[in-house]
Amino acid sequence: MSNKPCIPDPLVMSEYCRLSICPDCGTLHLNLPSRISLQFDISQFLAIADAFTRAAQILRGRMDQSSNPKRKAKVFEFDRSH
């Protein structure tokens, strides 16, 4: 990381977040609407992205299996005993 401040370039934007990367140091900046900003190196970001991708796949699978709207609420019930 250099001593000069990051000037990140936009990478991806959605209604919930903005992801930018600094071309000088390679830091990824994740900005959320509540003024939260997180910074990761590329390997950290990729590991977190993989975890989010897997979680999204699991949740989409659970939602697809539940065609009854009353059962959809159960999609998000988790065993918290661990």
N, C-alpha and C. Protein backbone atom coordinates (compact mmCIF):
# COMPACT_ATOMS: atom_id res chain seq x y z
N MET A 1 0.84 -1.18 0.00
CA MET A 1 0.00 0.00 0.00
C MET A 1 0.89 1.24 0.00
N SER A 2 0.58 2.20 -0.81
CA SER A 2 1.37 3.43 -0.87
C SER A 2 0.92 4.40 0.22
N ASN A 3 1.71 5.45 0.42
CA ASN A 3 1.37 6.45 1.43
C ASN A 3 0.32 7.44 0.96
N LYS A 4 0.09 7.50 -0.34
CA LYS A 4 -0.92 8.44 -0.83
C LYS A 4 -2.31 7.82 -0.67
N PRO A 5 -3.34 8.67 -0.52
CA PRO A 5 -4.68 8.15 -0.33
C PRO A 5 -5.20 7.41 -1.57
N CYS A 6 -6.04 6.44 -1.31
CA CYS A 6 -6.65 5.68 -2.41
C CYS A 6 -7.60 6.58 -3.20
N ILE A 7 -7.58 6.40 -4.49
CA ILE A 7 -8.57 7.02 -5.38
C ILE A 7 -9.20 5.86 -6.15
N PRO A 8 -10.22 5.24 -5.55
CA PRO A 8 -10.78 4.04 -6.16
C PRO A 8 -11.61 4.32 -7.41
N ASP A 9 -11.51 3.39 -8.36
CA ASP A 9 -12.33 3.41 -9.57
C ASP A 9 -13.54 2.51 -9.36
N PRO A 10 -14.74 2.93 -9.77
CA PRO A 10 -15.92 2.09 -9.62
C PRO A 10 -15.76 0.76 -10.35
N LEU A 11 -16.19 -0.30 -9.68
CA LEU A 11 -16.13 -1.64 -10.25
C LEU A 11 -17.55 -2.17 -10.49
N VAL A 12 -18.37 -2.15 -9.42
CA VAL A 12 -19.75 -2.62 -9.49
C VAL A 12 -20.61 -1.74 -8.59
N MET A 13 -21.81 -1.42 -9.07
CA MET A 13 -22.75 -0.64 -8.25
C MET A 13 -24.12 -1.31 -8.27
N SER A 14 -24.79 -1.28 -7.13
CA SER A 14 -26.17 -1.73 -7.06
C SER A 14 -26.90 -0.78 -6.13
N GLU A 15 -28.19 -1.02 -5.91
CA GLU A 15 -28.93 -0.15 -5.02
C GLU A 15 -28.49 -0.33 -3.56
N TYR A 16 -27.78 -1.41 -3.26
CA TYR A 16 -27.38 -1.70 -1.88
C TYR A 16 -25.91 -1.48 -1.59
N CYS A 17 -25.07 -1.40 -2.60
CA CYS A 17 -23.65 -1.22 -2.33
C CYS A 17 -22.92 -0.71 -3.57
N ARG A 18 -21.70 -0.25 -3.32
CA ARG A 18 -20.80 0.15 -4.39
C ARG A 18 -19.46 -0.50 -4.10
N LEU A 19 -18.88 -1.14 -5.10
CA LEU A 19 -17.58 -1.78 -4.97
C LEU A 19 -16.62 -1.09 -5.93
N SER A 20 -15.51 -0.60 -5.38
CA SER A 20 -14.51 0.10 -6.18
C SER A 20 -13.15 -0.50 -5.88
N ILE A 21 -12.20 -0.27 -6.79
CA ILE A 21 -10.83 -0.76 -6.58
C ILE A 21 -9.85 0.38 -6.84
N CYS A 22 -8.84 0.45 -6.00
CA CYS A 22 -7.79 1.44 -6.17
C CYS A 22 -6.75 0.86 -7.12
N PRO A 23 -6.54 1.47 -8.27
CA PRO A 23 -5.58 0.92 -9.24
C PRO A 23 -4.14 1.00 -8.75
N ASP A 24 -3.85 1.89 -7.80
CA ASP A 24 -2.49 2.02 -7.31
C ASP A 24 -2.10 0.93 -6.32
N CYS A 25 -2.99 0.65 -5.36
CA CYS A 25 -2.62 -0.32 -4.32
C CYS A 25 -3.41 -1.62 -4.37
N GLY A 26 -4.46 -1.69 -5.20
CA GLY A 26 -5.25 -2.92 -5.33
C GLY A 26 -6.26 -3.13 -4.22
N THR A 27 -6.48 -2.16 -3.36
CA THR A 27 -7.46 -2.29 -2.29
C THR A 27 -8.87 -2.19 -2.86
N LEU A 28 -9.73 -3.13 -2.43
CA LEU A 28 -11.13 -3.09 -2.81
C LEU A 28 -11.91 -2.35 -1.73
N HIS A 29 -12.77 -1.43 -2.13
CA HIS A 29 -13.58 -0.63 -1.22
C HIS A 29 -15.04 -1.03 -1.39
N LEU A 30 -15.68 -1.48 -0.30
CA LEU A 30 -17.09 -1.82 -0.30
C LEU A 30 -17.81 -0.74 0.49
N ASN A 31 -18.68 0.03 -0.17
CA ASN A 31 -19.45 1.08 0.49
C ASN A 31 -20.91 0.66 0.56
N LEU A 32 -21.47 0.76 1.76
CA LEU A 32 -22.87 0.42 1.99
C LEU A 32 -23.65 1.70 2.25
N PRO A 33 -24.97 1.69 2.03
CA PRO A 33 -25.75 2.92 2.14
C PRO A 33 -25.73 3.57 3.51
N SER A 34 -25.43 2.85 4.55
CA SER A 34 -25.45 3.42 5.90
C SER A 34 -24.11 4.05 6.27
N ARG A 35 -23.37 4.47 5.25
CA ARG A 35 -22.07 5.12 5.43
C ARG A 35 -21.02 4.21 6.03
N ILE A 36 -21.15 2.94 5.79
CA ILE A 36 -20.14 1.97 6.21
C ILE A 36 -19.24 1.70 5.02
N SER A 37 -17.97 1.74 5.26
CA SER A 37 -17.00 1.47 4.21
C SER A 37 -16.02 0.42 4.71
N LEU A 38 -15.88 -0.66 3.98
CA LEU A 38 -14.95 -1.73 4.32
C LEU A 38 -13.90 -1.83 3.23
N GLN A 39 -12.67 -2.13 3.62
CA GLN A 39 -11.59 -2.26 2.64
C GLN A 39 -10.92 -3.61 2.81
N PHE A 40 -10.66 -4.27 1.69
CA PHE A 40 -10.09 -5.62 1.68
C PHE A 40 -8.96 -5.69 0.67
N ASP A 41 -8.02 -6.62 0.93
CA ASP A 41 -7.11 -6.92 -0.16
C ASP A 41 -7.84 -7.92 -1.06
N ILE A 42 -7.33 -8.17 -2.22
CA ILE A 42 -8.06 -8.97 -3.20
C ILE A 42 -8.34 -10.39 -2.71
N SER A 43 -7.38 -11.04 -2.06
CA SER A 43 -7.60 -12.41 -1.60
C SER A 43 -8.68 -12.46 -0.51
N GLN A 44 -8.70 -11.48 0.38
CA GLN A 44 -9.75 -11.43 1.40
C GLN A 44 -11.11 -11.25 0.75
N PHE A 45 -11.18 -10.32 -0.19
CA PHE A 45 -12.46 -10.07 -0.85
C PHE A 45 -12.96 -11.31 -1.57
N LEU A 46 -12.08 -12.01 -2.27
CA LEU A 46 -12.50 -13.20 -3.01
C LEU A 46 -13.03 -14.28 -2.08
N ALA A 47 -12.40 -14.46 -0.92
CA ALA A 47 -12.88 -15.45 0.05
C ALA A 47 -14.26 -15.07 0.58
N ILE A 48 -14.45 -13.78 0.87
CA ILE A 48 -15.76 -13.31 1.35
C ILE A 48 -16.81 -13.43 0.25
N ALA A 49 -16.44 -13.08 -0.97
CA ALA A 49 -17.38 -13.19 -2.10
C ALA A 49 -17.80 -14.63 -2.33
N ASP A 50 -16.86 -15.56 -2.20
CA ASP A 50 -17.19 -16.99 -2.33
C ASP A 50 -18.20 -17.41 -1.27
N ALA A 51 -18.01 -16.94 -0.04
CA ALA A 51 -18.94 -17.28 1.04
C ALA A 51 -20.33 -16.71 0.76
N PHE A 52 -20.40 -15.46 0.31
CA PHE A 52 -21.69 -14.85 -0.03
C PHE A 52 -22.35 -15.57 -1.20
N THR A 53 -21.56 -15.95 -2.19
CA THR A 53 -22.10 -16.67 -3.34
C THR A 53 -22.71 -17.99 -2.91
N ARG A 54 -22.00 -18.72 -2.05
CA ARG A 54 -22.51 -20.01 -1.57
C ARG A 54 -23.78 -19.81 -0.75
N ALA A 55 -23.79 -18.80 0.11
CA ALA A 55 -24.99 -18.52 0.92
C ALA A 55 -26.17 -18.17 0.03
N ALA A 56 -25.94 -17.38 -1.01
CA ALA A 56 -27.01 -17.00 -1.94
C ALA A 56 -27.56 -18.24 -2.66
N GLN A 57 -26.67 -19.15 -3.05
CA GLN A 57 -27.11 -20.38 -3.71
C GLN A 57 -27.99 -21.21 -2.78
N ILE A 58 -27.59 -21.33 -1.53
CA ILE A 58 -28.36 -22.11 -0.55
C ILE A 58 -29.73 -21.47 -0.34
N LEU A 59 -29.76 -20.15 -0.14
CA LEU A 59 -31.03 -19.48 0.10
C LEU A 59 -31.95 -19.53 -1.11
N ARG A 60 -31.38 -19.36 -2.31
CA ARG A 60 -32.22 -19.46 -3.51
C ARG A 60 -32.78 -20.87 -3.66
N GLY A 61 -31.98 -21.88 -3.36
CA GLY A 61 -32.45 -23.26 -3.41
C GLY A 61 -33.59 -23.50 -2.44
N ARG A 62 -33.47 -22.97 -1.24
CA ARG A 62 -34.53 -23.12 -0.24
C ARG A 62 -35.79 -22.40 -0.68
N MET A 63 -35.66 -21.22 -1.28
CA MET A 63 -36.83 -20.48 -1.73
C MET A 63 -37.50 -21.19 -2.90
N ASP A 64 -36.70 -21.77 -3.81
CA ASP A 64 -37.26 -22.48 -4.95
C ASP A 64 -38.02 -23.73 -4.51
N GLN A 65 -37.56 -24.38 -3.44
CA GLN A 65 -38.21 -25.59 -2.95
C GLN A 65 -39.54 -25.28 -2.28
N SER A 66 -39.72 -24.07 -1.83
CA SER A 66 -40.92 -23.68 -1.11
C SER A 66 -41.83 -22.85 -2.00
N SER A 67 -42.75 -23.50 -2.70
CA SER A 67 -43.65 -22.78 -3.59
C SER A 67 -44.84 -22.19 -2.84
N ASN A 68 -45.15 -22.71 -1.65
CA ASN A 68 -46.25 -22.21 -0.85
C ASN A 68 -45.79 -20.95 -0.12
N PRO A 69 -46.45 -19.79 -0.34
CA PRO A 69 -46.03 -18.54 0.32
C PRO A 69 -45.97 -18.63 1.84
N LYS A 70 -46.86 -19.43 2.44
CA LYS A 70 -46.85 -19.58 3.90
C LYS A 70 -45.60 -20.31 4.37
N ARG A 71 -45.06 -21.17 3.52
CA ARG A 71 -43.86 -21.93 3.89
C ARG A 71 -42.59 -21.13 3.64
N LYS A 72 -42.66 -20.07 2.84
CA LYS A 72 -41.47 -19.28 2.52
C LYS A 72 -40.82 -18.71 3.78
N ALA A 73 -41.63 -18.37 4.78
CA ALA A 73 -41.06 -17.84 6.01
C ALA A 73 -40.14 -18.86 6.68
N LYS A 74 -40.44 -20.14 6.53
CA LYS A 74 -39.62 -21.18 7.14
C LYS A 74 -38.27 -21.32 6.45
N VAL A 75 -38.14 -20.79 5.25
CA VAL A 75 -36.86 -20.85 4.52
C VAL A 75 -35.75 -20.24 5.36
N PHE A 76 -36.08 -19.23 6.12
CA PHE A 76 -35.07 -18.48 6.86
C PHE A 76 -34.97 -18.86 8.33
N GLU A 77 -35.63 -19.97 8.72
CA GLU A 77 -35.48 -20.45 10.09
C GLU A 77 -34.25 -21.34 10.14
N PHE A 78 -33.36 -21.04 11.07
CA PHE A 78 -32.10 -21.78 11.17
C PHE A 78 -31.97 -22.38 12.54
N ASP A 79 -31.23 -23.46 12.62
CA ASP A 79 -30.94 -24.12 13.88
C ASP A 79 -29.81 -23.33 14.56
N ARG A 80 -30.12 -22.65 15.64
CA ARG A 80 -29.14 -21.82 16.34
C ARG A 80 -28.52 -22.56 17.54
N SER A 81 -28.68 -23.85 17.62
CA SER A 81 -28.18 -24.60 18.78
C SER A 81 -26.68 -24.84 18.72
N HIS A 82 -26.03 -24.52 17.60
CA HIS A 82 -24.58 -24.77 17.47
C HIS A 82 -23.78 -23.63 18.00
